Protein backbone atom coordinates (compact mmCIF):
# COMPACT_ATOMS: atom_id res chain seq x y z
CA MET A 1 4.78 18.42 -4.42
CA ASP A 2 2.11 20.52 -6.20
CA ALA A 3 1.27 22.32 -2.88
CA PHE A 4 4.61 24.16 -3.00
CA THR A 5 4.07 25.36 -6.62
CA GLU A 6 0.78 27.13 -5.86
CA THR A 7 2.29 30.55 -5.14
CA GLY A 8 4.39 30.47 -8.35
CA SER A 9 1.62 29.09 -10.58
CA ALA A 10 -0.89 31.65 -9.26
CA GLU A 11 1.52 34.48 -10.12
CA THR A 12 2.37 33.06 -13.55
CA PHE A 13 -1.16 32.43 -14.61
CA ARG A 14 -2.56 35.50 -12.80
CA VAL A 15 -5.19 33.59 -10.81
CA SER A 16 -6.10 33.47 -7.17
CA HIS A 17 -4.50 31.07 -4.70
CA GLU A 18 -7.83 29.20 -4.41
CA VAL A 19 -7.77 28.43 -8.15
CA ALA A 20 -4.11 27.22 -7.90
CA ILE A 21 -5.16 24.79 -5.11
CA LEU A 22 -7.29 23.02 -7.73
CA GLY A 23 -4.05 21.49 -8.93
CA ILE A 24 -4.12 19.23 -5.91
CA SER A 25 -7.87 18.71 -5.83
CA LEU A 26 -8.23 17.68 -9.43
CA PHE A 27 -5.22 15.32 -9.23
CA VAL A 28 -6.70 13.58 -6.22
CA LEU A 29 -10.11 13.45 -7.91
CA GLY A 30 -8.46 11.58 -10.83
CA LEU A 31 -6.90 9.21 -8.31
CA GLY A 32 -10.47 8.42 -7.04
CA ILE A 33 -12.07 7.92 -10.41
CA GLY A 34 -9.33 5.83 -12.04
CA PRO A 35 -9.67 2.60 -9.92
CA LEU A 36 -13.28 2.17 -11.16
CA LEU A 37 -11.82 1.63 -14.66
CA VAL A 38 -8.40 0.11 -14.21
CA GLY A 39 -9.56 -2.44 -11.61
CA PRO A 40 -11.67 -4.54 -13.95
CA LEU A 41 -9.23 -4.01 -16.82
CA SER A 42 -6.46 -5.59 -14.71
CA GLU A 43 -8.60 -8.64 -14.14
CA VAL A 44 -9.01 -9.12 -17.90
CA TYR A 45 -5.65 -8.10 -19.31
CA GLY A 46 -3.35 -8.55 -16.30
CA ARG A 47 -1.49 -6.16 -14.01
CA ASN A 48 1.54 -5.55 -16.11
CA ILE A 49 -0.06 -4.05 -19.20
CA ILE A 50 -2.09 -1.75 -16.98
CA TYR A 51 1.05 -0.53 -15.25
CA ARG A 52 2.89 0.09 -18.50
CA VAL A 53 0.11 1.90 -20.31
CA SER A 54 -0.74 3.95 -17.19
CA TYR A 55 2.86 4.97 -16.49
CA ILE A 56 3.69 5.81 -20.09
CA SER A 57 0.51 7.92 -20.20
CA PHE A 58 1.46 9.49 -16.87
CA PHE A 59 4.88 10.43 -18.30
CA ILE A 60 3.48 11.92 -21.54
CA LEU A 61 0.67 13.85 -19.88
CA THR A 62 3.04 15.42 -17.32
CA PHE A 63 4.71 17.39 -20.09
CA PRO A 64 1.66 19.70 -20.59
CA VAL A 65 1.63 20.24 -16.81
CA ALA A 66 5.33 21.22 -16.73
CA PHE A 67 5.05 23.52 -19.78
CA ALA A 68 1.39 24.67 -19.47
CA PRO A 69 0.71 27.97 -21.30
CA ASN A 70 -2.34 28.75 -19.15
CA ILE A 71 -4.18 27.64 -16.07
CA ALA A 72 -6.87 25.75 -18.03
CA VAL A 73 -4.27 23.41 -19.63
CA PHE A 74 -2.45 23.02 -16.31
CA LEU A 75 -5.60 21.95 -14.42
CA MET A 76 -6.98 19.68 -17.11
CA PHE A 77 -3.75 17.73 -17.33
CA ARG A 78 -3.44 17.55 -13.55
CA LEU A 79 -6.81 15.71 -13.55
CA LEU A 80 -5.59 13.34 -16.35
CA THR A 81 -2.26 12.57 -14.69
CA GLY A 82 -4.16 11.74 -11.49
CA PHE A 83 -6.34 9.38 -13.43
CA CYS A 84 -3.33 7.65 -14.98
CA GLY A 85 -1.49 7.46 -11.66
CA SER A 86 -4.44 5.79 -9.96
CA ALA A 87 -3.45 2.33 -11.29
CA PHE A 88 -0.61 2.21 -8.74
CA LEU A 89 -2.95 2.92 -5.83
CA SER A 90 -5.53 0.28 -6.77
CA VAL A 91 -3.98 -2.44 -8.94
CA ALA A 92 -0.78 -2.61 -6.83
CA GLY A 93 -2.80 -4.06 -3.95
CA GLY A 94 -3.76 -6.91 -6.26
CA SER A 95 -0.12 -7.48 -7.16
CA VAL A 96 0.73 -7.82 -3.46
CA SER A 97 -1.98 -10.46 -3.04
CA ASP A 98 -0.74 -12.23 -6.14
CA LEU A 99 2.79 -12.48 -4.76
CA PHE A 100 2.14 -13.53 -1.15
CA PRO A 101 -0.12 -16.14 0.57
CA ASP A 102 -2.57 -14.99 3.24
CA SER A 103 -0.27 -16.19 6.01
CA GLU A 104 2.52 -13.86 4.77
CA VAL A 105 0.65 -10.92 3.31
CA VAL A 106 0.42 -8.62 6.36
CA ASN A 107 3.94 -7.16 6.16
CA PRO A 108 3.94 -6.60 2.38
CA MET A 109 0.41 -5.17 2.65
CA GLY A 110 1.76 -2.80 5.36
CA VAL A 111 4.46 -1.51 3.02
CA TYR A 112 1.91 -1.09 0.30
CA THR A 113 -0.46 0.79 2.65
CA VAL A 114 2.17 3.16 3.98
CA SER A 115 3.57 4.05 0.53
CA PRO A 116 0.83 6.38 -0.69
CA PHE A 117 1.10 8.26 2.63
CA ILE A 118 4.90 8.42 2.76
CA GLY A 119 4.71 9.93 -0.77
CA PRO A 120 2.73 13.00 0.39
CA THR A 121 5.24 13.37 3.25
CA LEU A 122 8.34 13.27 1.08
CA GLY A 123 6.73 15.38 -1.69
CA PRO A 124 6.62 18.64 0.31
CA LEU A 125 10.19 18.00 1.60
CA ILE A 126 11.61 17.69 -1.91
CA ALA A 127 9.38 20.41 -3.42
CA GLY A 128 10.34 22.85 -0.66
CA PHE A 129 13.98 22.71 -1.67
CA ILE A 130 13.10 22.99 -5.42
CA ASN A 131 10.81 25.96 -5.03
CA GLN A 132 13.14 27.74 -2.65
CA ASN A 133 15.92 27.78 -5.25
CA LEU A 134 14.28 27.33 -8.70
CA ASP A 135 11.26 28.36 -10.72
CA TRP A 136 8.05 26.46 -9.76
CA ARG A 137 7.98 24.68 -13.18
CA TRP A 138 11.16 22.87 -12.22
CA THR A 139 9.08 20.85 -9.74
CA TYR A 140 7.41 19.12 -12.71
CA ARG A 141 10.51 18.95 -14.85
CA ILE A 142 12.39 17.12 -12.10
CA ASP A 143 9.26 15.00 -11.62
CA LEU A 144 9.46 14.07 -15.32
CA CYS A 145 13.07 12.81 -14.86
CA TRP A 146 11.89 10.67 -11.91
CA ILE A 147 8.92 9.29 -13.87
CA PHE A 148 11.20 8.38 -16.82
CA GLY A 149 13.60 6.48 -14.52
CA GLN A 150 10.72 4.65 -12.86
CA CYS A 151 9.28 3.77 -16.26
CA ILE A 152 12.56 2.13 -17.32
CA LEU A 153 12.69 0.10 -14.07
CA LEU A 154 9.05 -0.92 -14.55
CA PHE A 155 9.69 -2.39 -17.95
CA ILE A 156 12.92 -4.21 -16.80
CA PHE A 157 11.95 -5.59 -13.38
CA VAL A 158 8.17 -5.92 -13.02
CA PRO A 159 6.70 -9.22 -14.40
CA GLU A 160 3.12 -10.25 -14.83
CA THR A 161 1.76 -11.66 -11.55
CA TYR A 162 -1.96 -12.23 -12.14
CA ALA A 163 -2.51 -16.00 -12.20
CA PRO A 164 -5.59 -16.12 -14.50
CA VAL A 165 -3.70 -14.11 -17.12
CA LEU A 166 -0.62 -16.35 -16.79
CA LEU A 167 -2.85 -19.39 -17.25
CA LYS A 168 -4.46 -17.84 -20.31
CA ARG A 169 -1.01 -17.27 -21.86
CA LYS A 170 0.02 -20.83 -21.04
CA ALA A 171 -3.18 -22.20 -22.61
CA ALA A 172 -2.56 -20.20 -25.76
CA ARG A 173 1.03 -21.47 -25.94
CA LEU A 174 -0.09 -25.07 -25.54
CA ARG A 175 -2.75 -24.69 -28.23
CA GLU A 176 -0.11 -23.30 -30.58
CA GLN A 177 2.45 -26.02 -29.74
CA THR A 178 0.03 -29.02 -29.83
CA GLY A 179 -2.67 -27.84 -32.22
CA ASN A 180 -5.24 -28.99 -29.64
CA PRO A 181 -8.02 -26.39 -29.18
CA LYS A 182 -9.17 -28.01 -25.90
CA TYR A 183 -6.46 -26.21 -23.96
CA CYS A 184 -8.24 -23.16 -22.43
CA ALA A 185 -8.02 -21.11 -19.29
CA PRO A 186 -10.84 -19.71 -17.12
CA LEU A 187 -10.46 -16.28 -18.72
CA ASP A 188 -11.07 -17.87 -22.15
CA ARG A 189 -14.51 -18.91 -20.90
CA ARG A 190 -15.31 -15.56 -19.30
CA GLN A 191 -18.99 -14.64 -19.56
CA GLY A 192 -20.02 -11.16 -20.52
CA SER A 193 -18.23 -8.30 -22.21
CA LEU A 194 -15.55 -6.04 -20.89
CA ALA A 195 -18.00 -3.11 -21.03
CA SER A 196 -20.36 -4.94 -18.68
CA ALA A 197 -17.49 -5.78 -16.32
CA VAL A 198 -16.49 -2.06 -16.19
CA LEU A 199 -20.16 -1.05 -15.62
CA ILE A 200 -20.53 -3.54 -12.77
CA SER A 201 -17.23 -2.28 -11.33
CA CYS A 202 -18.51 1.31 -11.34
CA TYR A 203 -21.96 0.40 -9.93
CA LYS A 204 -21.03 -2.03 -7.21
CA PRO A 205 -18.92 0.36 -4.99
CA PHE A 206 -21.75 2.93 -4.87
CA GLN A 207 -24.26 0.15 -4.18
CA LEU A 208 -22.14 -0.88 -1.20
CA LEU A 209 -21.99 2.71 0.11
CA LEU A 210 -25.74 3.18 -0.25
CA PHE A 211 -26.93 -0.13 1.26
CA ASP A 212 -24.28 -1.13 3.79
CA ARG A 213 -24.00 1.21 6.75
CA MET A 214 -20.84 -0.47 8.12
CA ALA A 215 -18.93 0.03 4.91
CA LEU A 216 -20.28 3.59 4.58
CA LEU A 217 -19.21 4.62 8.08
CA LEU A 218 -15.74 3.01 7.87
CA ASN A 219 -15.14 4.57 4.45
CA THR A 220 -16.34 7.98 5.76
CA TRP A 221 -13.92 7.68 8.65
CA ASN A 222 -11.08 6.91 6.22
CA ALA A 223 -12.19 9.77 3.96
CA LEU A 224 -12.10 12.25 6.89
CA LEU A 225 -8.54 11.09 7.80
CA LEU A 226 -7.23 11.45 4.21
CA GLY A 227 -8.92 14.85 4.03
CA VAL A 228 -7.06 15.86 7.13
CA LEU A 229 -3.74 14.66 5.62
CA TYR A 230 -4.27 16.59 2.44
CA LEU A 231 -5.48 19.63 4.34
CA ALA A 232 -2.07 19.56 6.10
CA PHE A 233 -0.49 20.63 2.77
CA GLN A 234 -2.29 23.97 3.17
CA ALA A 235 -2.28 24.20 6.99
CA PHE A 236 1.40 23.50 7.69
CA PRO A 237 2.57 26.59 5.63
CA VAL A 238 0.12 28.71 7.66
CA ILE A 239 1.43 27.24 10.97
CA PHE A 240 5.16 27.22 10.24
CA GLU A 241 5.56 30.11 7.78
CA ASP A 242 3.23 32.60 9.44
CA LYS A 243 3.83 31.64 13.07
CA HIS A 244 7.46 30.53 13.04
CA HIS A 245 8.74 32.42 9.91
CA PHE A 246 9.99 29.27 8.15
CA ASN A 247 11.13 29.67 4.51
CA VAL A 248 9.79 27.37 1.75
CA GLN A 249 12.33 24.52 2.20
CA MET A 250 12.11 24.57 6.01
CA THR A 251 8.32 24.32 5.70
CA GLY A 252 8.84 21.26 3.53
CA LEU A 253 10.95 19.73 6.28
CA SER A 254 8.06 20.26 8.75
CA PHE A 255 6.33 17.27 7.16
CA VAL A 256 9.03 14.91 8.42
CA GLY A 257 7.15 14.26 11.66
CA LEU A 258 4.24 12.73 9.74
CA GLY A 259 6.61 10.41 7.90
CA ILE A 260 8.42 9.36 11.06
CA GLY A 261 5.08 8.51 12.72
CA MET A 262 4.09 6.30 9.73
CA LEU A 263 7.45 4.50 9.68
CA VAL A 264 7.26 3.88 13.41
CA ALA A 265 3.78 2.46 12.96
CA LEU A 266 5.04 0.29 10.08
CA SER A 267 7.82 -1.11 12.31
CA THR A 268 5.21 -2.47 14.75
CA LEU A 269 3.81 -4.97 12.22
CA PRO A 270 5.68 -7.94 13.75
CA PHE A 271 3.76 -7.23 17.04
CA TRP A 272 0.42 -7.24 15.21
CA ASN A 273 1.39 -10.41 13.34
CA ARG A 274 1.95 -12.22 16.69
CA LEU A 275 -1.28 -10.79 18.03
CA PHE A 276 -3.28 -12.02 15.05
CA ALA A 277 -1.56 -15.48 15.31
CA ARG A 278 -2.63 -15.68 19.01
CA LYS A 279 -6.19 -14.74 18.12
CA ALA A 280 -6.26 -17.41 15.43
CA LYS A 281 -5.20 -20.07 18.02
CA GLN A 282 -7.76 -18.75 20.46
CA PHE A 283 -10.57 -19.20 17.92
CA GLY A 284 -9.19 -22.51 16.70
CA ARG A 285 -9.93 -21.47 13.14
CA ALA A 286 -9.58 -18.43 10.93
CA TYR A 287 -10.23 -15.50 13.27
CA PRO A 288 -13.18 -13.15 12.45
CA PRO A 289 -12.40 -10.02 10.40
CA GLU A 290 -13.25 -7.85 13.40
CA ILE A 291 -9.93 -8.72 14.97
CA ARG A 292 -8.29 -6.49 12.36
CA LEU A 293 -10.10 -3.51 13.90
CA ILE A 294 -7.97 -3.68 17.01
CA MET A 295 -5.20 -1.85 15.06
CA GLY A 296 -7.82 0.70 14.00
CA GLN A 297 -8.77 1.28 17.68
CA VAL A 298 -5.18 2.38 18.35
CA GLY A 299 -5.24 4.63 15.30
CA SER A 300 -8.58 6.19 16.19
CA VAL A 301 -7.14 7.32 19.56
CA LEU A 302 -3.77 8.51 18.23
CA VAL A 303 -5.22 10.84 15.52
CA PRO A 304 -7.22 13.07 17.80
CA ILE A 305 -4.31 13.17 20.34
CA GLY A 306 -1.99 14.32 17.59
CA LEU A 307 -4.42 16.95 16.27
CA PHE A 308 -5.33 18.41 19.67
CA TRP A 309 -1.60 18.49 20.53
CA LEU A 310 -0.89 20.26 17.25
CA ALA A 311 -3.84 22.65 17.73
CA PHE A 312 -2.76 23.95 21.14
CA THR A 313 0.99 24.28 20.27
CA THR A 314 0.56 26.43 17.14
CA TYR A 315 1.09 29.65 19.06
CA SER A 316 4.15 31.58 17.97
CA GLY A 317 5.53 31.50 21.53
CA VAL A 318 5.70 27.68 21.51
CA PRO A 319 8.98 26.29 20.09
CA TRP A 320 8.52 25.02 16.45
CA ILE A 321 9.70 21.54 17.34
CA VAL A 322 6.65 20.91 19.59
CA PRO A 323 3.93 21.03 16.87
CA MET A 324 6.27 19.07 14.61
CA ILE A 325 6.56 16.30 17.28
CA ALA A 326 2.65 16.39 17.51
CA SER A 327 2.54 15.22 13.91
CA VAL A 328 4.30 11.93 14.82
CA PRO A 329 1.32 10.35 16.61
CA LEU A 330 -0.90 11.84 13.90
CA GLY A 331 1.07 10.01 11.22
CA ALA A 332 1.10 6.76 13.20
CA GLY A 333 -2.64 6.98 13.84
CA ILE A 334 -3.41 7.58 10.16
CA PHE A 335 -1.39 4.50 9.18
CA PHE A 336 -2.98 2.23 11.83
CA SER A 337 -6.47 3.42 10.79
CA PHE A 338 -6.03 2.85 7.09
CA MET A 339 -4.20 -0.46 7.50
CA SER A 340 -6.98 -1.78 9.76
CA THR A 341 -9.77 -0.68 7.41
CA PHE A 342 -8.08 -2.03 4.29
CA MET A 343 -7.56 -5.46 5.89
CA TYR A 344 -11.10 -5.51 7.29
CA LEU A 345 -12.77 -4.57 3.98
CA VAL A 346 -10.82 -7.20 2.09
CA THR A 347 -11.71 -9.96 4.50
CA ALA A 348 -15.22 -8.92 5.58
CA TYR A 349 -16.33 -8.26 1.99
CA ARG A 350 -14.23 -10.97 0.34
CA PRO A 351 -16.67 -11.82 -2.53
CA ILE A 352 -16.54 -8.14 -3.71
CA SER A 353 -13.24 -7.09 -2.07
CA ALA A 354 -12.21 -5.12 -5.20
CA SER A 355 -15.48 -3.13 -5.16
CA ALA A 356 -15.13 -2.59 -1.37
CA MET A 357 -11.65 -1.06 -1.87
CA ALA A 358 -12.89 1.00 -4.86
CA SER A 359 -15.69 2.43 -2.70
CA ASN A 360 -13.13 3.34 -0.08
CA ALA A 361 -10.81 4.95 -2.63
CA ALA A 362 -13.64 6.91 -4.34
CA LEU A 363 -15.05 8.37 -1.09
CA ARG A 364 -11.71 9.27 0.51
CA CYS A 365 -10.37 10.89 -2.71
CA ILE A 366 -13.56 13.03 -2.91
CA PHE A 367 -12.87 14.23 0.67
CA ALA A 368 -9.13 14.77 -0.09
CA ALA A 369 -9.98 16.77 -3.17
CA ALA A 370 -12.44 19.02 -1.31
CA PHE A 371 -10.59 19.69 2.00
CA PRO A 372 -7.70 21.82 0.64
CA LEU A 373 -10.19 24.13 -1.03
CA PHE A 374 -11.68 25.53 2.26
CA VAL A 375 -8.63 25.40 4.45
CA GLY A 376 -7.66 29.08 3.76
CA PRO A 377 -10.97 30.65 4.78
CA MET A 378 -11.30 28.19 7.72
CA TYR A 379 -7.88 29.09 9.15
CA ASP A 380 -8.48 32.80 8.50
CA ARG A 381 -11.76 32.75 10.37
CA LEU A 382 -11.01 30.31 13.22
CA GLY A 383 -7.20 30.78 13.53
CA THR A 384 -4.72 27.91 13.69
CA VAL A 385 -5.86 26.77 17.10
CA GLY A 386 -9.66 26.77 16.39
CA ALA A 387 -9.39 25.27 12.90
CA THR A 388 -7.06 22.39 13.97
CA ALA A 389 -9.09 21.78 17.10
CA LEU A 390 -12.25 21.54 14.94
CA LEU A 391 -10.60 18.80 12.87
CA ALA A 392 -9.53 17.02 16.10
CA GLY A 393 -13.14 17.20 17.28
CA LEU A 394 -14.43 15.63 14.06
CA THR A 395 -11.90 12.75 14.34
CA THR A 396 -12.93 12.30 17.99
CA ILE A 397 -16.58 11.91 16.95
CA MET A 398 -15.53 9.18 14.50
CA ALA A 399 -13.05 7.47 16.92
CA PRO A 400 -15.66 5.04 18.42
CA LEU A 401 -16.33 3.36 15.08
CA PRO A 402 -13.63 0.63 15.25
CA PHE A 403 -14.60 -0.10 18.87
CA ILE A 404 -18.29 -0.37 17.96
CA PHE A 405 -17.77 -2.56 14.87
CA TYR A 406 -15.39 -4.78 16.79
CA ARG A 407 -18.27 -5.63 19.09
CA ILE A 408 -21.20 -5.77 16.64
CA GLY A 409 -19.49 -6.30 13.31
CA GLU A 410 -20.21 -10.02 13.15
CA ARG A 411 -23.89 -9.40 13.70
CA LEU A 412 -23.97 -6.70 11.01
CA ARG A 413 -22.17 -8.97 8.54
CA LYS A 414 -24.82 -11.64 8.93
CA LYS A 415 -27.50 -9.08 7.91
CA SER A 416 -25.43 -7.55 5.03
CA PRO A 417 -26.15 -8.74 1.43
CA PHE A 418 -22.48 -8.02 0.66
CA ALA A 419 -20.34 -9.21 3.53
CA VAL A 420 -19.33 -12.78 4.41
CA SER A 421 -21.09 -14.23 7.47
C-alpha cells in the first residue's frame, strides 16, 4: 500500500521520490530483522503472547506513520512497524506446524505461503482507490482501522498452540493443585538463558549462509524473486501509467494478474499432494527432501516466461491486457518457487529448520528492500523492455538450481554439517 503514497508523501515532506521509496525498503528491512528475535522468543513464551505484543505494538506504532510531521519520523516508524509485523511472517509458520501433522500440513502450509504474496497484490489495488480519491495519509488511517479490527479478532479467536508452552502451563497448574514440585515440563528444565538463545538464533542463519552452498544458492534464488516482486511496485506504475495512461486506481488493478496466478498455483496443491504420495510409495519410506524441488522446477520455468512476456509487451501499441496476463504465470511461478524452497529447507535442515527459514527471510528481505531503490534509474536508462528483460535474464540464470539440487541434493546433504543425511 505504501507504494501508492510515495508521490503524496514526497510532496508533503518536500523530498525526492527516491527518499519516499525508503518507506517500502525500511519496512521490508524490519520484516527481515524481526524473525531473528521473535523466533526464539516464541519457543520460550509461546506463539500467542508474541502475536499479541507484536500486533498491539504494530497498531500503536502505525499512528506516528499516519500522522508523521516530517520524513524522519515517517521512515523511522516504517522500520519499527515492519519489525513488529515480522512475527506474522515467521512465527505463523510454527503455528501451522503446531496445528497439523506432517501428513496434512501441505495444504495449510500452501495457504500460509501464499498469504504474504497475496497481501502485496491486494495492497496496491486497495491503495490505488484510496489515493485516487483521498489524501495519501488516509492510506494509513484506513490501515489503522483494519489493524484494530484484526487485533480484536486475534484476542478473541487465536489460542496458544505451542505444545511445550501448553505442557509448561499444565505442569504449573498441577504443582499448584497438588503441591507436588516434581511436576515439571521440558521448558522448566531448559538449559541456558534467553539471551544465549537469541544470540544463537541470530548467529546460526548467517553461519548457514556462509558455510552451506546449497542453502546460500536457494536463498539467493528466493531473494531475487522477492526482489522482483517488490520491484513490481515501482515498475507497474511506469508500465501502465506512462505507457497506457492509467490513473492511480487503474494502476492498482493492474496487480490483479499476479494475485490470480498465485491463487491458480494454490489450487493445484491437491495434484502435488497426490504426486508426493506416489513418490512416498515408490521409495517405500519417507521420500527424500529433493522431491519437494519438483514444484520449484515448474516455478523456475514460469517466472522467466512471465517476465520475458511482460518485457516484450510493454510497448504502448500493445493492448494493456496483454502485459497484465503476462503477470499470471509470473505470480504462479513465484508461488511454486517459494513453496518448494520453504518445504525443502524445513525437511532438509530439520534440526535447525527455524534457522534455515530465518536465513531465507533475512536474505530475501535485504533484496526486497534494495530492489525498489534502483528501479527508477534502471527503467529510465534501459526502458521498460530492457529493464524487465534484464530481470528475466537474471531469473533464467537462476532457473537451473532446483533441477541441479534435485539431482545432487542428497550427495550435498551428506557433506553438509547442517542438513540431515
